[in-house]
Amino acid sequence: MLGSSVYIYFYLSDGARIKKTIIVVCVKMTLFCHARFILSILMARLRNLSDQSLSRFIWIFYAIGLLGLGVPWTRDLFISMFPLSFLVAFIVLFITDRSEQRILIPLGIIIFLFGFLISAVSVNTGVIFGDLEFGKALGPKISGTPYIIGWHWLMIVYCSIITVRKYTKDRYFISFLAAVLMVVFDMVLEGAAGNLDMWIWTSGNVPIQNFLVWFGFSWFLTGVVQIVKVDLKNSIAPTLFAVHFFFFFLLNLLFYIEKAIL
């Protein structure tokens, strides 16, 4: 009621700029409150699911996204929802993580910042991965670099290590295989990135430099995790990694078929 009264007052006065500011602030506060409410409900629901049900939820969630992105007239809508998919992935990994938080949290922050900073330097100089420019799909940016790219690095490092640990216990072999897995994932992702307005390469092609640097940084980060001896535990991480891999692989296939037909 008070908000409505304030709005009416400025609507009737000459304070057009102040009126606009208040409206924007009110809208943002409303969206923030709704987002927190929805987020709390989602987390509460997911916490009560078994690992099997969570895995089923992840496959269904990304299957819907695949269908939405595969259809040209709904593609823009689903591209705009990319940050939501990252948020869902974060929630799923957060509530299923059983690692030692005392070490994992500061290490996760370091990996997040590292991934963001090297991406920002590359975008602004072109000397790390190559000349690229981020699109709108990944959301808000700082210095031309979306915040969410740091989470992307963290998620891939985290999931790849846990996935590889299912097959070997050798610390040094784990870091190497996880780095290889990350590069393979990047190769699949690169094929779809341009069509999804995630990022584009100035030359029009993905430079070999990108994959070599990706492998180097990936091996470094996975090696750091092994040196610190963080015992990463998450039963859902391998499933999420697999879903992401097949999600972008199938998108590449759909885009190829679409271009061939048109």
Protein backbone atom coordinates (compact mmCIF):
# COMPACT_ATOMS: atom_id res chain seq x y z
CA MET A 1 0.00 0.00 0.00
CA LEU A 2 2.82 2.39 0.92
CA GLY A 3 4.62 1.53 -2.32
CA SER A 4 1.50 2.35 -4.30
CA SER A 5 1.10 5.70 -2.52
CA VAL A 6 4.71 6.66 -3.23
CA TYR A 7 4.28 5.71 -6.85
CA ILE A 8 1.11 7.81 -7.22
CA TYR A 9 2.81 10.79 -5.56
CA PHE A 10 5.70 10.85 -8.01
CA TYR A 11 3.43 10.09 -10.92
CA LEU A 12 1.50 13.26 -10.16
CA SER A 13 4.65 15.32 -9.54
CA ASP A 14 7.40 16.41 -11.91
CA GLY A 15 9.97 13.95 -10.51
CA ALA A 16 9.94 11.72 -13.58
CA ARG A 17 13.50 10.50 -13.08
CA ILE A 18 12.91 9.66 -9.42
CA LYS A 19 9.64 7.97 -10.35
CA LYS A 20 11.42 5.79 -12.90
CA THR A 21 14.13 4.88 -10.39
CA ILE A 22 11.61 3.87 -7.75
CA ILE A 23 9.68 1.73 -10.23
CA VAL A 24 12.88 -0.04 -11.32
CA VAL A 25 13.95 -0.64 -7.70
CA CYS A 26 10.49 -1.99 -6.80
CA VAL A 27 10.47 -4.34 -9.78
CA LYS A 28 13.97 -5.62 -8.97
CA MET A 29 13.08 -6.17 -5.31
CA THR A 30 9.94 -8.05 -6.32
CA LEU A 31 11.86 -10.27 -8.75
CA PHE A 32 14.56 -10.89 -6.13
CA CYS A 33 12.01 -11.91 -3.50
CA HIS A 34 10.23 -14.19 -5.95
CA ALA A 35 13.54 -15.72 -7.05
CA ARG A 36 14.54 -16.42 -3.44
CA PHE A 37 11.13 -17.96 -2.76
CA ILE A 38 11.28 -20.20 -5.84
CA LEU A 39 14.90 -21.11 -5.10
CA SER A 40 14.09 -22.13 -1.52
CA ILE A 41 11.21 -24.33 -2.72
CA LEU A 42 13.39 -25.92 -5.40
CA MET A 43 16.19 -26.70 -2.93
CA ALA A 44 13.75 -28.14 -0.42
CA ARG A 45 12.17 -30.36 -3.09
CA LEU A 46 15.48 -31.60 -4.47
CA ARG A 47 16.89 -32.34 -1.00
CA ASN A 48 14.10 -34.87 -0.47
CA LEU A 49 14.84 -36.79 -3.67
CA SER A 50 16.91 -39.97 -3.79
CA ASP A 51 19.99 -40.13 -6.02
CA GLN A 52 18.01 -42.12 -8.57
CA SER A 53 15.21 -39.55 -8.62
CA LEU A 54 17.73 -36.68 -8.86
CA SER A 55 19.42 -38.36 -11.81
CA ARG A 56 16.03 -38.78 -13.50
CA PHE A 57 15.24 -35.11 -12.80
CA ILE A 58 18.52 -33.99 -14.40
CA TRP A 59 17.97 -36.06 -17.55
CA ILE A 60 14.39 -34.79 -17.93
CA PHE A 61 15.38 -31.17 -17.22
CA TYR A 62 18.06 -31.17 -19.93
CA ALA A 63 15.90 -33.19 -22.34
CA ILE A 64 13.33 -30.39 -22.18
CA GLY A 65 16.11 -27.87 -22.80
CA LEU A 66 17.34 -29.91 -25.76
CA LEU A 67 13.88 -29.93 -27.31
CA GLY A 68 13.44 -26.19 -26.73
CA LEU A 69 16.82 -25.34 -28.26
CA GLY A 70 16.34 -27.75 -31.11
CA VAL A 71 13.19 -25.99 -32.32
CA PRO A 72 14.06 -22.68 -34.09
CA TRP A 73 10.97 -20.75 -32.90
CA THR A 74 11.58 -21.51 -29.22
CA ARG A 75 15.39 -21.30 -29.35
CA ASP A 76 15.74 -17.67 -28.27
CA LEU A 77 13.52 -18.25 -25.24
CA PHE A 78 15.55 -21.26 -24.09
CA ILE A 79 18.87 -19.49 -24.77
CA SER A 80 17.75 -16.71 -22.43
CA MET A 81 17.23 -19.36 -19.75
CA PHE A 82 20.81 -20.63 -19.85
CA PRO A 83 21.73 -19.02 -16.50
CA LEU A 84 18.81 -20.96 -14.98
CA SER A 85 20.32 -24.26 -16.11
CA PHE A 86 23.62 -23.31 -14.45
CA LEU A 87 21.72 -22.41 -11.28
CA VAL A 88 19.94 -25.77 -11.25
CA ALA A 89 23.26 -27.57 -11.79
CA PHE A 90 24.77 -25.62 -8.88
CA ILE A 91 21.86 -26.48 -6.58
CA VAL A 92 22.04 -30.17 -7.48
CA LEU A 93 25.79 -30.36 -6.87
CA PHE A 94 25.54 -28.30 -3.68
CA ILE A 95 22.91 -30.45 -1.99
CA THR A 96 24.57 -33.73 -3.02
CA ASP A 97 28.16 -32.79 -2.15
CA ARG A 98 29.71 -34.82 0.67
CA SER A 99 33.23 -33.39 0.48
CA GLU A 100 35.14 -31.70 3.27
CA GLN A 101 33.70 -28.18 3.10
CA ARG A 102 36.52 -26.57 5.07
CA ILE A 103 38.91 -27.14 2.17
CA LEU A 104 36.47 -27.34 -0.73
CA ILE A 105 34.91 -23.88 -0.29
CA PRO A 106 38.12 -21.78 -0.41
CA LEU A 107 39.50 -24.00 -3.20
CA GLY A 108 36.25 -23.63 -5.13
CA ILE A 109 36.43 -19.84 -4.82
CA ILE A 110 40.01 -19.88 -6.13
CA ILE A 111 39.05 -22.04 -9.15
CA PHE A 112 36.01 -19.82 -9.81
CA LEU A 113 38.13 -16.63 -9.79
CA PHE A 114 40.92 -18.27 -11.80
CA GLY A 115 38.50 -19.39 -14.51
CA PHE A 116 36.85 -15.99 -14.66
CA LEU A 117 40.12 -14.04 -14.76
CA ILE A 118 41.79 -16.06 -17.52
CA SER A 119 38.60 -15.78 -19.57
CA ALA A 120 38.48 -12.01 -19.00
CA VAL A 121 42.14 -11.59 -19.98
CA SER A 122 41.58 -13.68 -23.12
CA VAL A 123 38.51 -11.70 -24.18
CA ASN A 124 40.25 -8.36 -23.69
CA THR A 125 43.66 -9.30 -25.14
CA GLY A 126 43.22 -12.45 -27.23
CA VAL A 127 46.54 -13.81 -25.95
CA ILE A 128 45.34 -16.84 -23.93
CA PHE A 129 42.63 -18.81 -25.72
CA GLY A 130 42.51 -16.66 -28.85
CA ASP A 131 40.32 -13.84 -30.11
CA LEU A 132 36.79 -14.46 -28.89
CA GLU A 133 33.77 -12.50 -27.71
CA PHE A 134 31.09 -13.64 -25.30
CA GLY A 135 27.47 -13.38 -26.39
CA LYS A 136 24.34 -12.77 -24.33
CA ALA A 137 23.41 -16.35 -23.44
CA LEU A 138 25.60 -16.56 -20.32
CA GLY A 139 24.09 -13.49 -18.70
CA PRO A 140 25.57 -10.32 -17.11
CA LYS A 141 29.23 -9.50 -17.72
CA ILE A 142 32.17 -7.71 -16.16
CA SER A 143 34.74 -6.41 -18.66
CA GLY A 144 33.04 -8.39 -21.41
CA THR A 145 33.14 -11.63 -19.40
CA PRO A 146 30.02 -13.25 -17.88
CA TYR A 147 30.17 -13.98 -14.14
CA ILE A 148 28.92 -17.48 -14.80
CA ILE A 149 32.05 -18.54 -16.72
CA GLY A 150 33.87 -18.95 -13.40
CA TRP A 151 31.18 -21.38 -12.25
CA HIS A 152 31.51 -23.22 -15.56
CA TRP A 153 35.21 -23.82 -14.86
CA LEU A 154 34.53 -24.90 -11.28
CA MET A 155 31.75 -27.29 -12.27
CA ILE A 156 33.77 -28.98 -15.03
CA VAL A 157 36.86 -29.40 -12.81
CA TYR A 158 34.75 -30.74 -9.96
CA CYS A 159 32.67 -33.17 -12.06
CA SER A 160 35.54 -34.43 -14.22
CA ILE A 161 37.70 -35.33 -11.20
CA ILE A 162 34.87 -37.20 -9.48
CA THR A 163 34.02 -39.00 -12.73
CA VAL A 164 37.61 -40.15 -13.31
CA ARG A 165 37.96 -41.25 -9.67
CA LYS A 166 35.37 -43.93 -10.33
CA TYR A 167 37.93 -45.75 -12.50
CA THR A 168 41.33 -45.04 -10.92
CA LYS A 169 42.78 -44.04 -7.56
CA ASP A 170 46.17 -42.84 -8.79
CA ARG A 171 46.33 -39.12 -7.93
CA TYR A 172 48.56 -38.09 -10.85
CA PHE A 173 46.67 -40.18 -13.37
CA ILE A 174 43.41 -38.69 -12.10
CA SER A 175 44.55 -35.12 -12.79
CA PHE A 176 45.77 -36.06 -16.30
CA LEU A 177 42.64 -38.00 -17.29
CA ALA A 178 40.36 -35.32 -15.83
CA ALA A 179 42.18 -32.70 -17.92
CA VAL A 180 41.75 -34.86 -21.06
CA LEU A 181 38.06 -35.26 -20.23
CA MET A 182 37.69 -31.49 -19.87
CA VAL A 183 39.27 -30.88 -23.28
CA VAL A 184 37.02 -33.49 -24.94
CA PHE A 185 34.03 -31.78 -23.34
CA ASP A 186 35.24 -28.39 -24.61
CA MET A 187 35.54 -29.77 -28.13
CA VAL A 188 31.90 -30.84 -28.01
CA LEU A 189 30.81 -27.57 -26.40
CA GLU A 190 32.62 -25.41 -28.98
CA GLY A 191 30.51 -26.85 -31.77
CA ALA A 192 27.31 -25.54 -30.19
CA ALA A 193 28.57 -22.36 -28.50
CA GLY A 194 28.28 -20.10 -31.55
CA ASN A 195 24.75 -21.25 -32.39
CA LEU A 196 23.68 -20.64 -28.79
CA ASP A 197 25.20 -17.14 -28.57
CA MET A 198 27.54 -18.25 -25.78
CA TRP A 199 30.69 -16.98 -27.49
CA ILE A 200 32.09 -16.55 -30.98
CA TRP A 201 35.61 -16.64 -32.39
CA THR A 202 36.76 -13.63 -34.39
CA SER A 203 38.41 -15.84 -37.01
CA GLY A 204 35.23 -17.89 -37.39
CA ASN A 205 37.01 -21.10 -36.36
CA VAL A 206 38.12 -22.46 -33.00
CA PRO A 207 41.93 -22.08 -32.85
CA ILE A 208 44.07 -25.07 -31.84
CA GLN A 209 45.56 -22.71 -29.28
CA ASN A 210 42.28 -22.81 -27.36
CA PHE A 211 42.39 -26.57 -26.83
CA LEU A 212 46.08 -26.61 -25.93
CA VAL A 213 45.62 -23.87 -23.34
CA TRP A 214 42.45 -25.53 -22.07
CA PHE A 215 44.40 -28.73 -21.49
CA GLY A 216 47.23 -26.87 -19.75
CA PHE A 217 44.97 -24.96 -17.37
CA SER A 218 42.76 -28.00 -16.81
CA TRP A 219 45.74 -30.16 -15.88
CA PHE A 220 47.01 -27.41 -13.59
CA LEU A 221 43.68 -27.03 -11.76
CA THR A 222 42.99 -30.75 -11.44
CA GLY A 223 46.58 -31.19 -10.27
CA VAL A 224 46.10 -28.54 -7.58
CA VAL A 225 43.02 -30.38 -6.31
CA GLN A 226 45.06 -33.59 -6.08
CA ILE A 227 47.98 -31.86 -4.33
CA VAL A 228 45.65 -30.31 -1.76
CA LYS A 229 44.17 -33.79 -1.33
CA VAL A 230 40.54 -32.74 -1.32
CA ASP A 231 38.41 -35.87 -1.05
CA LEU A 232 35.65 -34.90 -3.48
CA LYS A 233 32.47 -36.90 -2.90
CA ASN A 234 29.32 -36.50 -4.96
CA SER A 235 27.26 -39.37 -6.33
CA ILE A 236 25.44 -37.14 -8.85
CA ALA A 237 28.46 -35.35 -10.37
CA PRO A 238 29.27 -38.08 -12.97
CA THR A 239 25.64 -38.10 -14.10
CA LEU A 240 25.59 -34.31 -14.44
CA PHE A 241 28.83 -34.38 -16.43
CA ALA A 242 27.46 -37.09 -18.74
CA VAL A 243 24.19 -35.18 -19.22
CA HIS A 244 26.08 -32.00 -20.14
CA PHE A 245 28.27 -33.92 -22.60
CA PHE A 246 25.37 -35.60 -24.40
CA PHE A 247 23.31 -32.40 -24.24
CA PHE A 248 25.86 -30.44 -26.30
CA PHE A 249 26.72 -33.44 -28.49
CA LEU A 250 23.08 -33.84 -29.52
CA LEU A 251 22.72 -30.09 -30.01
CA ASN A 252 25.66 -30.20 -32.43
CA LEU A 253 23.92 -32.99 -34.30
CA LEU A 254 20.65 -31.05 -34.43
CA PHE A 255 22.37 -27.90 -35.69
CA TYR A 256 24.21 -29.92 -38.35
CA ILE A 257 20.98 -31.50 -39.57
CA GLU A 258 19.24 -28.12 -39.54
CA LYS A 259 21.95 -26.53 -41.70
CA ALA A 260 21.97 -29.49 -44.07
CA ILE A 261 18.20 -29.24 -44.59
CA LEU A 262 18.10 -25.46 -44.94
